[in-house]
N, C-alpha and C. Protein backbone atom coordinates (compact mmCIF):
# COMPACT_ATOMS: atom_id res chain seq x y z
N MET A 1 58.62 -27.79 83.61
CA MET A 1 58.50 -26.42 84.12
C MET A 1 58.71 -25.43 82.98
N ALA A 2 57.84 -24.38 82.92
CA ALA A 2 57.92 -23.40 81.84
C ALA A 2 59.21 -22.58 81.96
N ARG A 3 59.84 -22.40 80.83
CA ARG A 3 61.06 -21.60 80.80
C ARG A 3 60.69 -20.13 80.71
N SER A 4 61.36 -19.27 81.47
CA SER A 4 61.06 -17.84 81.41
C SER A 4 61.86 -17.19 80.30
N ILE A 5 61.23 -16.20 79.68
CA ILE A 5 61.87 -15.43 78.61
C ILE A 5 62.06 -14.01 79.13
N THR A 6 63.22 -13.43 78.94
CA THR A 6 63.49 -12.10 79.46
C THR A 6 63.94 -11.17 78.35
N TYR A 7 63.81 -9.88 78.59
CA TYR A 7 64.31 -8.88 77.66
C TYR A 7 65.75 -8.50 77.99
N ILE A 8 66.49 -8.08 76.97
CA ILE A 8 67.84 -7.58 77.14
C ILE A 8 67.94 -6.27 76.36
N THR A 9 68.59 -5.26 76.92
CA THR A 9 68.69 -3.98 76.23
C THR A 9 69.79 -4.03 75.17
N GLY A 10 69.78 -3.06 74.27
CA GLY A 10 70.81 -3.00 73.24
C GLY A 10 72.20 -2.83 73.83
N SER A 11 72.32 -2.01 74.86
CA SER A 11 73.63 -1.79 75.49
C SER A 11 74.14 -3.07 76.14
N GLN A 12 73.24 -3.81 76.77
CA GLN A 12 73.66 -5.08 77.38
C GLN A 12 74.11 -6.08 76.32
N LEU A 13 73.36 -6.14 75.23
CA LEU A 13 73.72 -7.07 74.17
C LEU A 13 75.04 -6.69 73.51
N LEU A 14 75.29 -5.40 73.35
CA LEU A 14 76.53 -4.95 72.73
C LEU A 14 77.75 -5.45 73.51
N SER A 15 77.62 -5.48 74.82
CA SER A 15 78.74 -5.93 75.65
C SER A 15 78.86 -7.45 75.69
N LEU A 16 77.78 -8.15 75.29
CA LEU A 16 77.79 -9.62 75.37
C LEU A 16 77.99 -10.30 74.03
N LYS A 17 77.70 -9.61 72.92
CA LYS A 17 77.57 -10.28 71.62
C LYS A 17 78.85 -10.94 71.13
N ARG A 18 80.00 -10.50 71.60
CA ARG A 18 81.25 -11.11 71.14
C ARG A 18 81.61 -12.36 71.92
N ARG A 19 80.88 -12.63 72.97
CA ARG A 19 81.16 -13.84 73.75
C ARG A 19 80.78 -15.08 72.93
N PRO A 20 81.61 -16.10 72.99
CA PRO A 20 81.35 -17.29 72.15
C PRO A 20 80.11 -18.07 72.54
N ASN A 21 79.56 -17.81 73.73
CA ASN A 21 78.39 -18.58 74.17
C ASN A 21 77.07 -17.89 73.82
N VAL A 22 77.13 -16.75 73.11
CA VAL A 22 75.93 -15.98 72.79
C VAL A 22 75.64 -16.03 71.29
N ALA A 23 74.40 -16.31 70.94
CA ALA A 23 73.96 -16.28 69.53
C ALA A 23 72.79 -15.33 69.39
N ILE A 24 72.81 -14.53 68.34
CA ILE A 24 71.71 -13.60 68.04
C ILE A 24 70.90 -14.19 66.90
N VAL A 25 69.58 -14.26 67.09
CA VAL A 25 68.70 -14.87 66.09
C VAL A 25 67.75 -13.80 65.55
N ASP A 26 67.91 -13.49 64.28
CA ASP A 26 67.09 -12.49 63.60
C ASP A 26 65.92 -13.21 62.94
N VAL A 27 64.68 -12.91 63.38
CA VAL A 27 63.52 -13.59 62.83
C VAL A 27 62.69 -12.68 61.92
N ARG A 28 63.30 -11.56 61.49
CA ARG A 28 62.61 -10.75 60.50
C ARG A 28 62.49 -11.55 59.20
N ASP A 29 61.63 -11.09 58.32
CA ASP A 29 61.43 -11.83 57.08
C ASP A 29 62.16 -11.15 55.93
N ASP A 30 61.45 -10.71 54.91
CA ASP A 30 62.13 -10.18 53.73
C ASP A 30 62.88 -8.88 54.00
N GLU A 31 62.54 -8.13 55.06
CA GLU A 31 63.18 -6.84 55.27
C GLU A 31 64.66 -6.95 55.61
N ARG A 32 65.08 -8.12 56.08
CA ARG A 32 66.51 -8.29 56.39
C ARG A 32 67.36 -8.14 55.12
N SER A 33 66.81 -8.49 53.97
CA SER A 33 67.58 -8.47 52.74
C SER A 33 67.84 -7.06 52.22
N TYR A 34 67.13 -6.06 52.76
CA TYR A 34 67.38 -4.69 52.30
C TYR A 34 67.53 -3.69 53.45
N ASP A 35 67.51 -4.17 54.70
CA ASP A 35 67.52 -3.24 55.83
C ASP A 35 68.68 -3.49 56.80
N ALA A 36 69.74 -4.14 56.31
CA ALA A 36 70.93 -4.43 57.14
C ALA A 36 70.57 -5.39 58.27
N HIS A 37 71.55 -5.73 59.10
CA HIS A 37 71.31 -6.65 60.21
C HIS A 37 72.44 -6.52 61.23
N ILE A 38 72.26 -7.12 62.39
CA ILE A 38 73.30 -7.11 63.41
C ILE A 38 74.38 -8.10 62.99
N GLY A 39 75.61 -7.64 62.93
CA GLY A 39 76.71 -8.48 62.47
C GLY A 39 76.80 -9.79 63.22
N GLY A 40 76.94 -10.88 62.48
CA GLY A 40 77.08 -12.19 63.09
C GLY A 40 75.79 -12.87 63.48
N SER A 41 74.65 -12.20 63.25
CA SER A 41 73.37 -12.80 63.65
C SER A 41 72.97 -13.91 62.68
N LEU A 42 72.23 -14.87 63.20
CA LEU A 42 71.68 -15.96 62.39
C LEU A 42 70.30 -15.55 61.90
N HIS A 43 69.95 -15.98 60.69
CA HIS A 43 68.65 -15.58 60.15
C HIS A 43 67.72 -16.79 60.03
N TYR A 44 66.62 -16.74 60.79
CA TYR A 44 65.58 -17.76 60.71
C TYR A 44 64.25 -17.02 60.62
N ALA A 45 63.77 -16.84 59.40
CA ALA A 45 62.56 -16.05 59.17
C ALA A 45 61.38 -16.60 59.96
N SER A 46 60.58 -15.70 60.52
CA SER A 46 59.48 -16.10 61.40
C SER A 46 58.46 -16.98 60.69
N ASP A 47 58.29 -16.77 59.40
CA ASP A 47 57.25 -17.48 58.67
C ASP A 47 57.50 -18.99 58.62
N THR A 48 58.77 -19.38 58.67
CA THR A 48 59.10 -20.81 58.63
C THR A 48 59.90 -21.23 59.86
N PHE A 49 59.81 -20.42 60.92
CA PHE A 49 60.68 -20.64 62.07
C PHE A 49 60.48 -22.01 62.72
N TYR A 50 59.23 -22.38 62.96
CA TYR A 50 58.99 -23.61 63.71
C TYR A 50 59.59 -24.82 62.98
N GLU A 51 59.43 -24.86 61.66
CA GLU A 51 59.96 -25.99 60.90
C GLU A 51 61.48 -26.03 60.93
N LYS A 52 62.11 -24.87 61.14
CA LYS A 52 63.57 -24.80 61.10
C LYS A 52 64.21 -24.87 62.50
N ILE A 53 63.43 -25.09 63.55
CA ILE A 53 64.00 -25.14 64.90
C ILE A 53 65.09 -26.21 65.03
N PRO A 54 64.91 -27.42 64.49
CA PRO A 54 66.01 -28.40 64.58
C PRO A 54 67.31 -27.89 63.96
N ASN A 55 67.19 -27.18 62.84
CA ASN A 55 68.38 -26.59 62.20
C ASN A 55 69.02 -25.54 63.10
N LEU A 56 68.17 -24.73 63.75
CA LEU A 56 68.68 -23.69 64.65
C LEU A 56 69.44 -24.33 65.81
N ILE A 57 68.87 -25.37 66.39
CA ILE A 57 69.51 -26.02 67.52
C ILE A 57 70.89 -26.55 67.13
N GLN A 58 70.99 -27.09 65.93
CA GLN A 58 72.29 -27.57 65.45
C GLN A 58 73.26 -26.40 65.25
N ALA A 59 72.75 -25.28 64.73
CA ALA A 59 73.60 -24.13 64.43
C ALA A 59 74.15 -23.46 65.69
N VAL A 60 73.45 -23.61 66.82
CA VAL A 60 73.89 -22.93 68.04
C VAL A 60 74.50 -23.90 69.06
N ARG A 61 74.91 -25.07 68.60
CA ARG A 61 75.58 -26.01 69.49
C ARG A 61 76.76 -25.34 70.18
N GLY A 62 76.86 -25.50 71.49
CA GLY A 62 77.95 -24.88 72.24
C GLY A 62 77.62 -23.50 72.76
N LYS A 63 76.45 -22.97 72.42
CA LYS A 63 76.03 -21.65 72.91
C LYS A 63 74.88 -21.85 73.89
N ASP A 64 74.94 -21.13 75.01
CA ASP A 64 73.90 -21.32 76.02
C ASP A 64 72.94 -20.15 76.13
N THR A 65 73.19 -19.07 75.37
CA THR A 65 72.32 -17.89 75.43
C THR A 65 71.90 -17.49 74.03
N LEU A 66 70.60 -17.44 73.79
CA LEU A 66 70.05 -17.03 72.50
C LEU A 66 69.26 -15.74 72.68
N VAL A 67 69.55 -14.76 71.82
CA VAL A 67 68.85 -13.48 71.87
C VAL A 67 68.06 -13.32 70.57
N PHE A 68 66.75 -13.27 70.67
CA PHE A 68 65.88 -13.13 69.51
C PHE A 68 65.54 -11.66 69.25
N HIS A 69 65.35 -11.33 68.00
CA HIS A 69 64.83 -9.99 67.69
C HIS A 69 64.13 -10.01 66.35
N CYS A 70 63.16 -9.10 66.22
CA CYS A 70 62.55 -8.82 64.93
C CYS A 70 62.76 -7.33 64.68
N ALA A 71 61.79 -6.63 64.13
CA ALA A 71 61.97 -5.20 63.90
C ALA A 71 61.83 -4.40 65.19
N LEU A 72 60.79 -4.71 65.96
CA LEU A 72 60.54 -3.97 67.20
C LEU A 72 60.59 -4.85 68.45
N SER A 73 60.29 -6.14 68.31
CA SER A 73 60.38 -7.11 69.41
C SER A 73 59.54 -6.73 70.62
N GLN A 74 58.37 -6.15 70.39
CA GLN A 74 57.55 -5.73 71.52
C GLN A 74 56.13 -6.22 71.38
N ASN A 75 55.47 -6.31 72.51
CA ASN A 75 54.10 -6.76 72.53
C ASN A 75 53.12 -5.60 72.36
N ALA A 76 51.87 -5.94 72.29
CA ALA A 76 50.84 -4.96 71.97
C ALA A 76 50.37 -4.16 73.17
N ARG A 77 49.64 -3.08 72.90
CA ARG A 77 48.95 -2.25 73.88
C ARG A 77 49.87 -1.54 74.86
N GLY A 78 51.14 -1.41 74.52
CA GLY A 78 52.05 -0.69 75.38
C GLY A 78 52.34 -1.42 76.67
N LYS A 79 51.92 -2.66 76.77
CA LYS A 79 52.19 -3.45 77.98
C LYS A 79 53.25 -4.47 77.64
N ALA A 80 53.90 -4.87 78.61
CA ALA A 80 55.11 -5.63 78.43
C ALA A 80 54.91 -6.94 77.72
N GLY A 81 56.00 -7.35 77.12
CA GLY A 81 55.95 -8.47 76.23
C GLY A 81 56.09 -9.81 76.85
N VAL A 82 57.28 -10.27 77.10
CA VAL A 82 57.48 -11.63 77.56
C VAL A 82 57.55 -11.60 79.06
N TYR A 83 56.85 -12.47 79.72
CA TYR A 83 56.76 -12.39 81.16
C TYR A 83 56.77 -13.77 81.77
N LYS A 84 56.88 -13.81 83.09
CA LYS A 84 57.16 -15.07 83.76
C LYS A 84 55.92 -15.75 84.34
N VAL A 85 54.74 -15.30 83.93
CA VAL A 85 53.55 -16.03 84.36
C VAL A 85 53.41 -17.22 83.42
N GLY A 86 52.29 -17.96 83.54
CA GLY A 86 52.14 -19.20 82.80
C GLY A 86 52.60 -19.11 81.36
N TYR A 87 53.45 -20.03 80.96
CA TYR A 87 54.05 -19.97 79.62
C TYR A 87 53.00 -20.04 78.52
N LYS A 88 52.05 -20.95 78.66
CA LYS A 88 51.06 -21.12 77.59
C LYS A 88 50.28 -19.83 77.37
N ASP A 89 49.93 -19.12 78.46
CA ASP A 89 49.21 -17.87 78.31
C ASP A 89 50.08 -16.82 77.64
N SER A 90 51.34 -16.72 78.02
CA SER A 90 52.22 -15.72 77.42
C SER A 90 52.44 -16.01 75.95
N TYR A 91 52.51 -17.29 75.58
CA TYR A 91 52.65 -17.64 74.17
C TYR A 91 51.43 -17.18 73.39
N LYS A 92 50.23 -17.45 73.94
CA LYS A 92 49.01 -17.06 73.26
C LYS A 92 48.96 -15.56 73.04
N PHE A 93 49.38 -14.80 74.07
CA PHE A 93 49.32 -13.35 73.97
C PHE A 93 50.26 -12.83 72.88
N ALA A 94 51.52 -13.31 72.89
CA ALA A 94 52.49 -12.87 71.89
C ALA A 94 52.08 -13.32 70.50
N HIS A 95 51.64 -14.57 70.38
CA HIS A 95 51.28 -15.11 69.07
C HIS A 95 50.05 -14.41 68.50
N ARG A 96 49.10 -14.10 69.37
CA ARG A 96 47.86 -13.46 68.93
C ARG A 96 48.13 -12.12 68.27
N HIS A 97 49.11 -11.40 68.81
CA HIS A 97 49.40 -10.07 68.28
C HIS A 97 50.51 -10.07 67.23
N LYS A 98 50.92 -11.25 66.77
CA LYS A 98 51.84 -11.38 65.64
C LYS A 98 53.17 -10.67 65.89
N VAL A 99 53.68 -10.74 67.09
CA VAL A 99 54.98 -10.12 67.39
C VAL A 99 56.05 -11.17 67.19
N ARG A 100 56.83 -11.01 66.15
CA ARG A 100 57.69 -12.10 65.70
C ARG A 100 58.79 -12.49 66.68
N GLY A 101 59.50 -11.52 67.26
CA GLY A 101 60.60 -11.84 68.16
C GLY A 101 60.16 -12.66 69.37
N PRO A 102 59.25 -12.13 70.20
CA PRO A 102 58.78 -12.89 71.36
C PRO A 102 58.11 -14.21 70.98
N THR A 103 57.35 -14.21 69.88
CA THR A 103 56.66 -15.43 69.47
C THR A 103 57.64 -16.54 69.15
N CYS A 104 58.69 -16.23 68.38
CA CYS A 104 59.67 -17.26 68.01
C CYS A 104 60.47 -17.71 69.23
N ALA A 105 60.78 -16.78 70.13
CA ALA A 105 61.49 -17.16 71.35
C ALA A 105 60.65 -18.15 72.16
N LEU A 106 59.36 -17.87 72.26
CA LEU A 106 58.47 -18.74 73.02
C LEU A 106 58.25 -20.08 72.31
N ARG A 107 58.25 -20.06 70.99
CA ARG A 107 58.13 -21.32 70.26
C ARG A 107 59.33 -22.23 70.53
N LEU A 108 60.51 -21.62 70.57
CA LEU A 108 61.70 -22.42 70.87
C LEU A 108 61.62 -22.98 72.29
N ALA A 109 61.20 -22.15 73.24
CA ALA A 109 61.07 -22.62 74.62
C ALA A 109 60.08 -23.78 74.70
N ASP A 110 58.98 -23.69 73.97
CA ASP A 110 57.98 -24.74 73.95
C ASP A 110 58.56 -26.02 73.35
N TYR A 111 59.31 -25.87 72.28
CA TYR A 111 59.92 -27.01 71.61
C TYR A 111 60.89 -27.72 72.54
N LEU A 112 61.72 -26.96 73.24
CA LEU A 112 62.69 -27.54 74.17
C LEU A 112 61.99 -28.24 75.33
N ALA A 113 60.88 -27.65 75.79
CA ALA A 113 60.12 -28.26 76.88
C ALA A 113 59.53 -29.60 76.44
N ASP A 114 59.03 -29.66 75.21
CA ASP A 114 58.46 -30.91 74.69
C ASP A 114 59.54 -31.98 74.50
N MET A 115 60.74 -31.52 74.14
CA MET A 115 61.86 -32.45 73.95
C MET A 115 62.38 -33.00 75.27
N LYS A 116 62.10 -32.24 76.37
CA LYS A 116 62.66 -32.55 77.67
C LYS A 116 64.19 -32.57 77.63
N ASP A 117 64.72 -31.70 76.76
CA ASP A 117 66.18 -31.57 76.61
C ASP A 117 66.45 -30.13 76.22
N ASP A 118 67.25 -29.42 77.02
CA ASP A 118 67.49 -28.01 76.74
C ASP A 118 68.53 -27.78 75.66
N ALA A 119 69.17 -28.86 75.16
CA ALA A 119 70.18 -28.76 74.10
C ALA A 119 71.30 -27.81 74.48
N GLY A 120 71.51 -27.63 75.78
CA GLY A 120 72.58 -26.74 76.24
C GLY A 120 72.17 -25.28 76.29
N ILE A 121 70.92 -24.98 75.90
CA ILE A 121 70.43 -23.59 75.89
C ILE A 121 69.86 -23.25 77.26
N LYS A 122 70.50 -22.37 77.97
CA LYS A 122 70.09 -22.01 79.33
C LYS A 122 69.27 -20.73 79.38
N ASN A 123 69.55 -19.78 78.47
CA ASN A 123 68.90 -18.47 78.51
C ASN A 123 68.31 -18.14 77.15
N ILE A 124 67.03 -17.78 77.13
CA ILE A 124 66.37 -17.31 75.91
C ILE A 124 65.91 -15.89 76.18
N MET A 125 66.38 -14.96 75.37
CA MET A 125 66.10 -13.54 75.58
C MET A 125 65.53 -12.90 74.31
N VAL A 126 64.95 -11.71 74.49
CA VAL A 126 64.44 -10.92 73.38
C VAL A 126 65.07 -9.54 73.46
N LEU A 127 65.57 -9.05 72.34
CA LEU A 127 66.20 -7.74 72.29
C LEU A 127 65.16 -6.64 72.42
N GLU A 128 65.26 -5.84 73.44
CA GLU A 128 64.34 -4.74 73.66
C GLU A 128 64.40 -3.74 72.50
N ARG A 129 63.25 -3.38 71.98
CA ARG A 129 63.09 -2.45 70.86
C ARG A 129 63.59 -3.01 69.52
N GLY A 130 64.03 -4.26 69.50
CA GLY A 130 64.36 -4.93 68.25
C GLY A 130 65.45 -4.28 67.43
N PHE A 131 65.51 -4.67 66.15
CA PHE A 131 66.55 -4.15 65.28
C PHE A 131 66.42 -2.65 65.08
N ASN A 132 65.19 -2.15 64.95
CA ASN A 132 64.99 -0.72 64.74
C ASN A 132 65.58 0.11 65.88
N GLY A 133 65.35 -0.34 67.11
CA GLY A 133 65.91 0.37 68.26
C GLY A 133 67.42 0.26 68.31
N TRP A 134 67.93 -0.91 67.96
CA TRP A 134 69.39 -1.12 67.93
C TRP A 134 70.05 -0.15 66.94
N GLU A 135 69.50 -0.09 65.73
CA GLU A 135 70.09 0.76 64.69
C GLU A 135 69.93 2.23 65.01
N SER A 136 68.74 2.64 65.50
CA SER A 136 68.49 4.06 65.75
C SER A 136 69.31 4.60 66.91
N SER A 137 69.78 3.70 67.79
CA SER A 137 70.60 4.15 68.91
C SER A 137 72.09 4.20 68.56
N GLY A 138 72.41 3.94 67.29
CA GLY A 138 73.79 4.06 66.85
C GLY A 138 74.63 2.81 67.03
N LYS A 139 73.99 1.67 67.35
CA LYS A 139 74.74 0.43 67.50
C LYS A 139 75.19 -0.06 66.12
N PRO A 140 76.30 -0.81 66.05
CA PRO A 140 76.83 -1.23 64.75
C PRO A 140 75.94 -2.24 64.04
N VAL A 141 75.79 -2.05 62.73
CA VAL A 141 75.03 -2.99 61.91
C VAL A 141 75.89 -3.42 60.73
N CYS A 142 75.57 -4.57 60.18
CA CYS A 142 76.27 -5.09 59.01
C CYS A 142 75.48 -4.73 57.76
N LEU A 143 76.16 -4.13 56.80
CA LEU A 143 75.49 -3.71 55.57
C LEU A 143 75.81 -4.63 54.41
N ALA A 144 76.38 -5.79 54.71
CA ALA A 144 76.78 -6.70 53.64
C ALA A 144 75.60 -7.09 52.76
N CYS A 145 74.40 -7.16 53.36
CA CYS A 145 73.24 -7.55 52.58
C CYS A 145 72.87 -6.51 51.54
N LEU A 146 73.41 -5.30 51.66
CA LEU A 146 73.11 -4.25 50.70
C LEU A 146 74.14 -4.18 49.58
N LEU A 147 75.19 -5.01 49.66
CA LEU A 147 76.28 -4.98 48.68
C LEU A 147 76.18 -6.16 47.72
N PRO A 148 76.64 -5.97 46.48
CA PRO A 148 76.79 -7.14 45.59
C PRO A 148 77.79 -8.11 46.21
N LEU A 149 77.59 -9.39 46.00
CA LEU A 149 78.44 -10.40 46.64
C LEU A 149 79.92 -10.22 46.34
N PHE A 150 80.26 -9.79 45.12
CA PHE A 150 81.67 -9.71 44.76
C PHE A 150 82.39 -8.58 45.50
N LEU A 151 81.63 -7.63 46.07
CA LEU A 151 82.26 -6.52 46.80
C LEU A 151 82.55 -6.84 48.26
N ILE A 152 81.90 -7.87 48.81
CA ILE A 152 82.03 -8.14 50.24
C ILE A 152 83.46 -8.46 50.65
N PRO A 153 84.21 -9.34 49.91
CA PRO A 153 85.60 -9.59 50.31
C PRO A 153 86.46 -8.33 50.26
N ILE A 154 86.17 -7.44 49.31
CA ILE A 154 86.94 -6.20 49.19
C ILE A 154 86.68 -5.31 50.40
N VAL A 155 85.42 -5.19 50.78
CA VAL A 155 85.05 -4.37 51.94
C VAL A 155 85.72 -4.91 53.20
N ASN A 156 85.78 -6.21 53.34
CA ASN A 156 86.41 -6.81 54.52
C ASN A 156 87.92 -6.63 54.52
N LEU A 157 88.51 -6.48 53.33
CA LEU A 157 89.96 -6.36 53.22
C LEU A 157 90.45 -4.94 53.53
N ILE A 158 89.60 -3.95 53.30
CA ILE A 158 90.01 -2.54 53.47
C ILE A 158 90.56 -2.26 54.87
N PRO A 159 89.86 -2.60 55.96
CA PRO A 159 90.43 -2.31 57.29
C PRO A 159 91.72 -3.05 57.58
N VAL A 160 91.88 -4.25 57.01
CA VAL A 160 93.12 -5.00 57.21
C VAL A 160 94.29 -4.27 56.57
N LEU A 161 94.10 -3.79 55.33
CA LEU A 161 95.15 -3.03 54.64
C LEU A 161 95.44 -1.72 55.37
N PHE A 162 94.40 -1.08 55.84
CA PHE A 162 94.59 0.18 56.57
C PHE A 162 95.44 -0.04 57.82
N ASP A 163 95.16 -1.11 58.55
CA ASP A 163 95.94 -1.40 59.76
C ASP A 163 97.40 -1.69 59.43
N MET A 164 97.64 -2.39 58.34
CA MET A 164 99.01 -2.71 57.93
C MET A 164 99.79 -1.44 57.60
N ILE A 165 99.13 -0.54 56.85
CA ILE A 165 99.80 0.71 56.46
C ILE A 165 100.08 1.58 57.67
N MET A 166 99.08 1.70 58.55
CA MET A 166 99.26 2.54 59.73
C MET A 166 100.33 1.97 60.67
N ALA A 167 100.41 0.65 60.77
CA ALA A 167 101.43 0.03 61.62
C ALA A 167 102.83 0.37 61.10
N ARG A 168 103.00 0.40 59.79
CA ARG A 168 104.31 0.73 59.21
C ARG A 168 104.65 2.20 59.41
N VAL A 169 103.66 3.06 59.23
CA VAL A 169 103.88 4.49 59.43
C VAL A 169 104.26 4.77 60.88
N TYR A 170 103.52 4.19 61.80
CA TYR A 170 103.83 4.36 63.22
C TYR A 170 105.22 3.82 63.54
N GLY A 171 105.56 2.67 62.90
CA GLY A 171 106.85 2.06 63.15
C GLY A 171 108.01 2.94 62.74
N LEU A 172 107.84 3.75 61.68
CA LEU A 172 108.89 4.66 61.23
C LEU A 172 109.25 5.68 62.31
N PHE A 173 108.27 6.01 63.14
CA PHE A 173 108.51 6.98 64.22
C PHE A 173 108.76 6.30 65.57
N GLY A 174 108.84 4.98 65.54
CA GLY A 174 109.07 4.25 66.78
C GLY A 174 107.86 4.18 67.69
N TRP A 175 106.67 4.41 67.11
CA TRP A 175 105.46 4.36 67.91
C TRP A 175 104.79 2.99 67.77
N GLU A 176 103.95 2.70 68.70
CA GLU A 176 103.18 1.44 68.65
C GLU A 176 101.78 1.74 68.13
N TYR A 177 101.38 1.03 67.10
CA TYR A 177 100.04 1.21 66.54
C TYR A 177 99.08 0.20 67.17
N ARG A 178 98.01 0.70 67.71
CA ARG A 178 96.99 -0.16 68.30
C ARG A 178 95.75 -0.18 67.41
N LYS A 179 95.36 -1.35 67.02
CA LYS A 179 94.20 -1.46 66.14
C LYS A 179 92.95 -0.99 66.86
N PRO A 180 92.15 -0.16 66.22
CA PRO A 180 90.90 0.29 66.84
C PRO A 180 89.87 -0.82 66.84
N GLU A 181 88.92 -0.71 67.77
CA GLU A 181 87.83 -1.70 67.81
C GLU A 181 86.90 -1.44 66.64
N ARG A 182 86.58 -2.48 65.94
CA ARG A 182 85.69 -2.34 64.79
C ARG A 182 84.56 -3.36 64.85
N VAL A 183 83.54 -3.08 64.02
CA VAL A 183 82.46 -4.04 63.86
C VAL A 183 83.05 -5.30 63.25
N PRO A 184 82.58 -6.48 63.62
CA PRO A 184 83.07 -7.71 63.00
C PRO A 184 82.95 -7.65 61.49
N PRO A 185 83.80 -8.40 60.76
CA PRO A 185 83.74 -8.37 59.28
C PRO A 185 82.35 -8.66 58.77
N SER A 186 82.07 -8.14 57.59
CA SER A 186 80.76 -8.36 56.99
C SER A 186 80.50 -9.84 56.78
N CYS A 187 79.23 -10.21 56.86
CA CYS A 187 78.87 -11.60 56.65
C CYS A 187 79.27 -12.01 55.23
N PRO A 188 79.78 -13.22 55.05
CA PRO A 188 80.29 -13.63 53.73
C PRO A 188 79.20 -14.06 52.75
N TYR A 189 77.97 -13.81 53.07
CA TYR A 189 76.90 -14.17 52.15
C TYR A 189 75.81 -13.13 52.25
N LYS A 190 74.95 -13.11 51.25
CA LYS A 190 73.84 -12.15 51.26
C LYS A 190 72.62 -12.83 51.86
N PRO A 191 72.23 -12.45 53.10
CA PRO A 191 71.09 -13.12 53.73
C PRO A 191 69.78 -12.73 53.06
N ALA A 192 68.86 -13.67 53.02
CA ALA A 192 67.56 -13.39 52.43
C ALA A 192 66.51 -14.22 53.13
N ALA A 193 65.32 -13.65 53.28
CA ALA A 193 64.24 -14.38 53.93
C ALA A 193 63.70 -15.45 53.00
N ASN A 194 63.16 -16.49 53.60
CA ASN A 194 62.60 -17.57 52.79
C ASN A 194 61.29 -17.17 52.13
N LYS A 195 60.45 -16.49 52.91
CA LYS A 195 59.14 -16.11 52.38
C LYS A 195 58.73 -14.79 53.00
N ILE A 196 57.78 -14.14 52.36
CA ILE A 196 57.22 -12.92 52.93
C ILE A 196 56.16 -13.32 53.93
N SER A 197 56.28 -12.79 55.13
CA SER A 197 55.35 -13.18 56.20
C SER A 197 54.24 -12.16 56.35
N GLN A 198 53.03 -12.65 56.53
CA GLN A 198 51.89 -11.78 56.80
C GLN A 198 51.77 -11.61 58.31
N VAL A 199 52.54 -10.70 58.86
CA VAL A 199 52.59 -10.59 60.31
C VAL A 199 51.99 -9.30 60.85
N GLY A 200 51.56 -8.41 59.98
CA GLY A 200 50.99 -7.17 60.48
C GLY A 200 52.05 -6.21 60.97
N VAL A 201 51.62 -5.16 61.62
CA VAL A 201 52.52 -4.12 62.10
C VAL A 201 52.78 -4.30 63.57
N GLU A 202 54.04 -4.21 63.96
CA GLU A 202 54.39 -4.36 65.37
C GLU A 202 54.26 -3.02 66.07
N PRO A 203 53.49 -2.91 67.12
CA PRO A 203 53.29 -1.65 67.79
C PRO A 203 54.48 -1.25 68.62
N GLU A 204 54.64 0.05 68.83
CA GLU A 204 55.72 0.54 69.66
C GLU A 204 55.24 0.69 71.10
N THR A 205 56.15 0.47 72.03
CA THR A 205 55.84 0.71 73.43
C THR A 205 56.94 1.54 74.02
N SER A 206 56.64 2.27 75.06
CA SER A 206 57.62 3.19 75.62
C SER A 206 58.63 2.52 76.52
N LYS A 207 58.20 1.55 77.30
CA LYS A 207 59.13 0.88 78.22
C LYS A 207 58.68 -0.54 78.42
N ILE A 208 59.62 -1.45 78.45
CA ILE A 208 59.29 -2.85 78.59
C ILE A 208 59.57 -3.31 80.00
N GLN A 209 58.59 -3.84 80.67
CA GLN A 209 58.74 -4.38 82.00
C GLN A 209 58.01 -5.71 82.05
N PRO A 210 58.48 -6.66 82.88
CA PRO A 210 57.75 -7.92 82.99
C PRO A 210 56.35 -7.69 83.55
N LEU A 211 55.37 -8.44 83.02
CA LEU A 211 54.00 -8.31 83.51
C LEU A 211 53.82 -9.10 84.79
N SER A 212 53.07 -8.53 85.69
CA SER A 212 52.67 -9.28 86.89
C SER A 212 51.50 -10.17 86.51
N LYS A 213 51.20 -11.12 87.37
CA LYS A 213 50.06 -12.01 87.14
C LYS A 213 48.78 -11.21 87.00
N GLU A 214 48.62 -10.18 87.86
CA GLU A 214 47.39 -9.37 87.82
C GLU A 214 47.27 -8.63 86.51
N SER A 215 48.39 -8.02 86.04
CA SER A 215 48.35 -7.27 84.79
C SER A 215 48.03 -8.19 83.63
N HIS A 216 48.64 -9.38 83.66
CA HIS A 216 48.40 -10.33 82.58
C HIS A 216 46.94 -10.74 82.51
N ASP A 217 46.32 -11.01 83.67
CA ASP A 217 44.90 -11.38 83.70
C ASP A 217 44.05 -10.24 83.17
N GLY A 218 44.44 -8.99 83.48
CA GLY A 218 43.70 -7.84 82.99
C GLY A 218 43.75 -7.70 81.49
N VAL A 219 44.92 -7.96 80.92
CA VAL A 219 45.06 -7.89 79.47
C VAL A 219 44.24 -8.95 78.80
N GLU A 220 44.28 -10.19 79.33
CA GLU A 220 43.48 -11.26 78.74
C GLU A 220 42.00 -10.93 78.81
N ALA A 221 41.57 -10.30 79.93
CA ALA A 221 40.16 -9.93 80.07
C ALA A 221 39.78 -8.88 79.03
N ASP A 222 40.68 -7.89 78.83
CA ASP A 222 40.42 -6.87 77.81
C ASP A 222 40.29 -7.51 76.44
N ASN A 223 41.15 -8.46 76.13
CA ASN A 223 41.11 -9.12 74.83
C ASN A 223 39.80 -9.88 74.64
N ALA A 224 39.34 -10.54 75.72
CA ALA A 224 38.09 -11.30 75.64
C ALA A 224 36.93 -10.37 75.35
N LYS A 225 36.93 -9.16 75.99
CA LYS A 225 35.85 -8.20 75.78
C LYS A 225 35.86 -7.69 74.34
N SER A 226 37.09 -7.44 73.81
CA SER A 226 37.18 -6.88 72.46
C SER A 226 36.71 -7.88 71.42
N ASP A 227 36.80 -9.20 71.76
CA ASP A 227 36.30 -10.22 70.85
C ASP A 227 34.77 -10.19 70.81
């Protein structure tokens, strides 16, 4: 049976991302190395994604929800991206338009279906509006990829020292210091894409909704005419 792929909003992901059963998979290519990323996300560049699926499955052992994203994570023509009609058709549509997030999510679903083993993965999702939407809406991002490697431990140490100092100052007055919520520590390595991918430009859409069977057939018919 075909596995359904669903979208998740940035606000929904923000509330879920700290749960131990959730993994975020960034399938952008070389732009991740200079454009920041969502803290704690795994990087599997779209250009070599299929070959690295076994590695991904090992990396997410114990997690049942995977959230994929690229730059925009949206399908073409302003019509919705991942939908619950026939899986093979939805894969063709996403793959045809070179949309990295939905395409990689669907490739994983196809791989798991062929294996006849879900590897403990129950939910495969795509981040609505992708990394660009996440960042532009003010959600936290990790800038470790923009720093020289030797600075990353120092950056991670600063908030720890600040909390220690503030706890002592508060203690002098008999107050209790509560640590503020912060973005998780910077990633301890500089992520980089394996190769530059020829994926074209991902179009923007105003709102993402699941496609009905009728809408999907209409889109496929339009594509056939344009060919």
